[in-house]
Amino acid sequence: KFGEPTPQAKNKMNPERCAHLMAVAIVNRVDECWIALPPSLQLAYLNSYYPTISKL
Protein backbone atom coordinates (compact mmCIF):
# COMPACT_ATOMS: atom_id res chain seq x y z
CA LYS A 1 0.00 0.00 0.00
CA PHE A 2 1.03 3.57 -0.57
CA GLY A 3 3.16 5.07 2.17
CA GLU A 4 3.92 1.76 3.87
CA PRO A 5 7.45 0.42 3.72
CA THR A 6 7.83 -2.94 2.04
CA PRO A 7 9.81 -5.62 3.83
CA GLN A 8 13.09 -6.54 2.18
CA ALA A 9 13.90 -10.22 1.88
CA LYS A 10 17.37 -11.30 2.91
CA ASN A 11 17.99 -13.12 -0.37
CA LYS A 12 17.33 -10.03 -2.53
CA MET A 13 19.75 -7.35 -3.68
CA ASN A 14 19.18 -3.97 -2.07
CA PRO A 15 18.25 -1.06 -4.36
CA GLU A 16 21.38 0.97 -3.54
CA ARG A 17 23.67 -1.83 -4.73
CA CYS A 18 21.61 -2.33 -7.88
CA ALA A 19 21.73 1.40 -8.66
CA HIS A 20 25.49 1.45 -8.07
CA LEU A 21 26.06 -1.50 -10.40
CA MET A 22 23.88 0.09 -13.09
CA ALA A 23 25.79 3.38 -12.76
CA VAL A 24 29.11 1.56 -13.12
CA ALA A 25 27.84 -0.22 -16.23
CA ILE A 26 26.58 3.05 -17.75
CA VAL A 27 29.81 4.94 -17.04
CA ASN A 28 31.88 2.13 -18.56
CA ARG A 29 29.56 1.96 -21.59
CA VAL A 30 28.86 -1.73 -21.14
CA ASP A 31 26.65 -3.01 -23.96
CA GLU A 32 24.97 -5.64 -21.83
CA CYS A 33 25.03 -6.19 -18.09
CA TRP A 34 23.28 -8.77 -15.99
CA ILE A 35 22.69 -7.76 -12.41
CA ALA A 36 21.60 -10.67 -10.27
CA LEU A 37 22.65 -12.76 -7.33
CA PRO A 38 24.90 -15.70 -8.24
CA PRO A 39 22.51 -18.69 -8.39
CA SER A 40 19.95 -16.95 -10.56
CA LEU A 41 22.63 -15.33 -12.72
CA GLN A 42 24.15 -18.64 -13.76
CA LEU A 43 20.72 -20.11 -14.48
CA ALA A 44 19.71 -17.12 -16.59
CA TYR A 45 23.02 -17.31 -18.47
CA LEU A 46 22.56 -21.02 -19.20
CA ASN A 47 18.97 -20.49 -20.29
CA SER A 48 19.96 -17.65 -22.60
CA TYR A 49 23.00 -19.19 -24.26
CA TYR A 50 22.19 -22.92 -23.95
CA PRO A 51 18.39 -23.18 -24.18
CA THR A 52 18.40 -26.94 -24.78
CA ILE A 53 19.99 -27.55 -21.37
CA SER A 54 17.10 -25.83 -19.60
CA LYS A 55 14.61 -28.11 -21.38
CA LEU A 56 16.17 -31.32 -20.03
C-alpha atoms as a PDB file:
ATOM      1  CA  LYS A   1       0.000   0.000   0.000  1.00  0.00           C
ATOM      2  CA  PHE A   2       1.035   3.570  -0.572  1.00  0.00           C
ATOM      3  CA  GLY A   3       3.159   5.071   2.174  1.00  0.00           C
ATOM      4  CA  GLU A   4       3.917   1.758   3.872  1.00  0.00           C
ATOM      5  CA  PRO A   5       7.454   0.416   3.720  1.00  0.00           C
ATOM      6  CA  THR A   6       7.827  -2.940   2.038  1.00  0.00           C
ATOM      7  CA  PRO A   7       9.812  -5.616   3.833  1.00  0.00           C
ATOM      8  CA  GLN A   8      13.089  -6.542   2.177  1.00  0.00           C
ATOM      9  CA  ALA A   9      13.898 -10.218   1.880  1.00  0.00           C
ATOM     10  CA  LYS A  10      17.372 -11.302   2.909  1.00  0.00           C
ATOM     11  CA  ASN A  11      17.989 -13.122  -0.371  1.00  0.00           C
ATOM     12  CA  LYS A  12      17.335 -10.033  -2.532  1.00  0.00           C
ATOM     13  CA  MET A  13      19.747  -7.347  -3.678  1.00  0.00           C
ATOM     14  CA  ASN A  14      19.175  -3.970  -2.073  1.00  0.00           C
ATOM     15  CA  PRO A  15      18.253  -1.055  -4.364  1.00  0.00           C
ATOM     16  CA  GLU A  16      21.376   0.968  -3.536  1.00  0.00           C
ATOM     17  CA  ARG A  17      23.675  -1.830  -4.726  1.00  0.00           C
ATOM     18  CA  CYS A  18      21.607  -2.333  -7.883  1.00  0.00           C
ATOM     19  CA  ALA A  19      21.731   1.397  -8.657  1.00  0.00           C
ATOM     20  CA  HIS A  20      25.491   1.449  -8.066  1.00  0.00           C
ATOM     21  CA  LEU A  21      26.058  -1.503 -10.405  1.00  0.00           C
ATOM     22  CA  MET A  22      23.883   0.088 -13.087  1.00  0.00           C
ATOM     23  CA  ALA A  23      25.787   3.380 -12.760  1.00  0.00           C
ATOM     24  CA  VAL A  24      29.112   1.563 -13.117  1.00  0.00           C
ATOM     25  CA  ALA A  25      27.841  -0.222 -16.232  1.00  0.00           C
ATOM     26  CA  ILE A  26      26.583   3.048 -17.752  1.00  0.00           C
ATOM     27  CA  VAL A  27      29.807   4.940 -17.040  1.00  0.00           C
ATOM     28  CA  ASN A  28      31.880   2.131 -18.563  1.00  0.00           C
ATOM     29  CA  ARG A  29      29.556   1.955 -21.589  1.00  0.00           C
ATOM     30  CA  VAL A  30      28.865  -1.732 -21.140  1.00  0.00           C
ATOM     31  CA  ASP A  31      26.653  -3.007 -23.959  1.00  0.00           C
ATOM     32  CA  GLU A  32      24.970  -5.640 -21.831  1.00  0.00           C
ATOM     33  CA  CYS A  33      25.034  -6.192 -18.093  1.00  0.00           C
ATOM     34  CA  TRP A  34      23.284  -8.774 -15.992  1.00  0.00           C
ATOM     35  CA  ILE A  35      22.694  -7.761 -12.406  1.00  0.00           C
ATOM     36  CA  ALA A  36      21.604 -10.670 -10.266  1.00  0.00           C
ATOM     37  CA  LEU A  37      22.649 -12.757  -7.326  1.00  0.00           C
ATOM     38  CA  PRO A  38      24.900 -15.699  -8.239  1.00  0.00           C
ATOM     39  CA  PRO A  39      22.515 -18.688  -8.389  1.00  0.00           C
ATOM     40  CA  SER A  40      19.948 -16.953 -10.562  1.00  0.00           C
ATOM     41  CA  LEU A  41      22.627 -15.325 -12.719  1.00  0.00           C
ATOM     42  CA  GLN A  42      24.147 -18.640 -13.764  1.00  0.00           C
ATOM     43  CA  LEU A  43      20.717 -20.111 -14.475  1.00  0.00           C
ATOM     44  CA  ALA A  44      19.706 -17.119 -16.594  1.00  0.00           C
ATOM     45  CA  TYR A  45      23.018 -17.314 -18.468  1.00  0.00           C
ATOM     46  CA  LEU A  46      22.558 -21.020 -19.196  1.00  0.00           C
ATOM     47  CA  ASN A  47      18.967 -20.495 -20.287  1.00  0.00           C
ATOM     48  CA  SER A  48      19.960 -17.653 -22.596  1.00  0.00           C
ATOM     49  CA  TYR A  49      23.001 -19.193 -24.258  1.00  0.00           C
ATOM     50  CA  TYR A  50      22.193 -22.915 -23.952  1.00  0.00           C
ATOM     51  CA  PRO A  51      18.389 -23.183 -24.181  1.00  0.00           C
ATOM     52  CA  THR A  52      18.395 -26.941 -24.777  1.00  0.00           C
ATOM     53  CA  ILE A  53      19.987 -27.553 -21.369  1.00  0.00           C
ATOM     54  CA  SER A  54      17.099 -25.835 -19.598  1.00  0.00           C
ATOM     55  CA  LYS A  55      14.610 -28.105 -21.379  1.00  0.00           C
ATOM     56  CA  LEU A  56      16.172 -31.320 -20.035  1.00  0.00           C
END
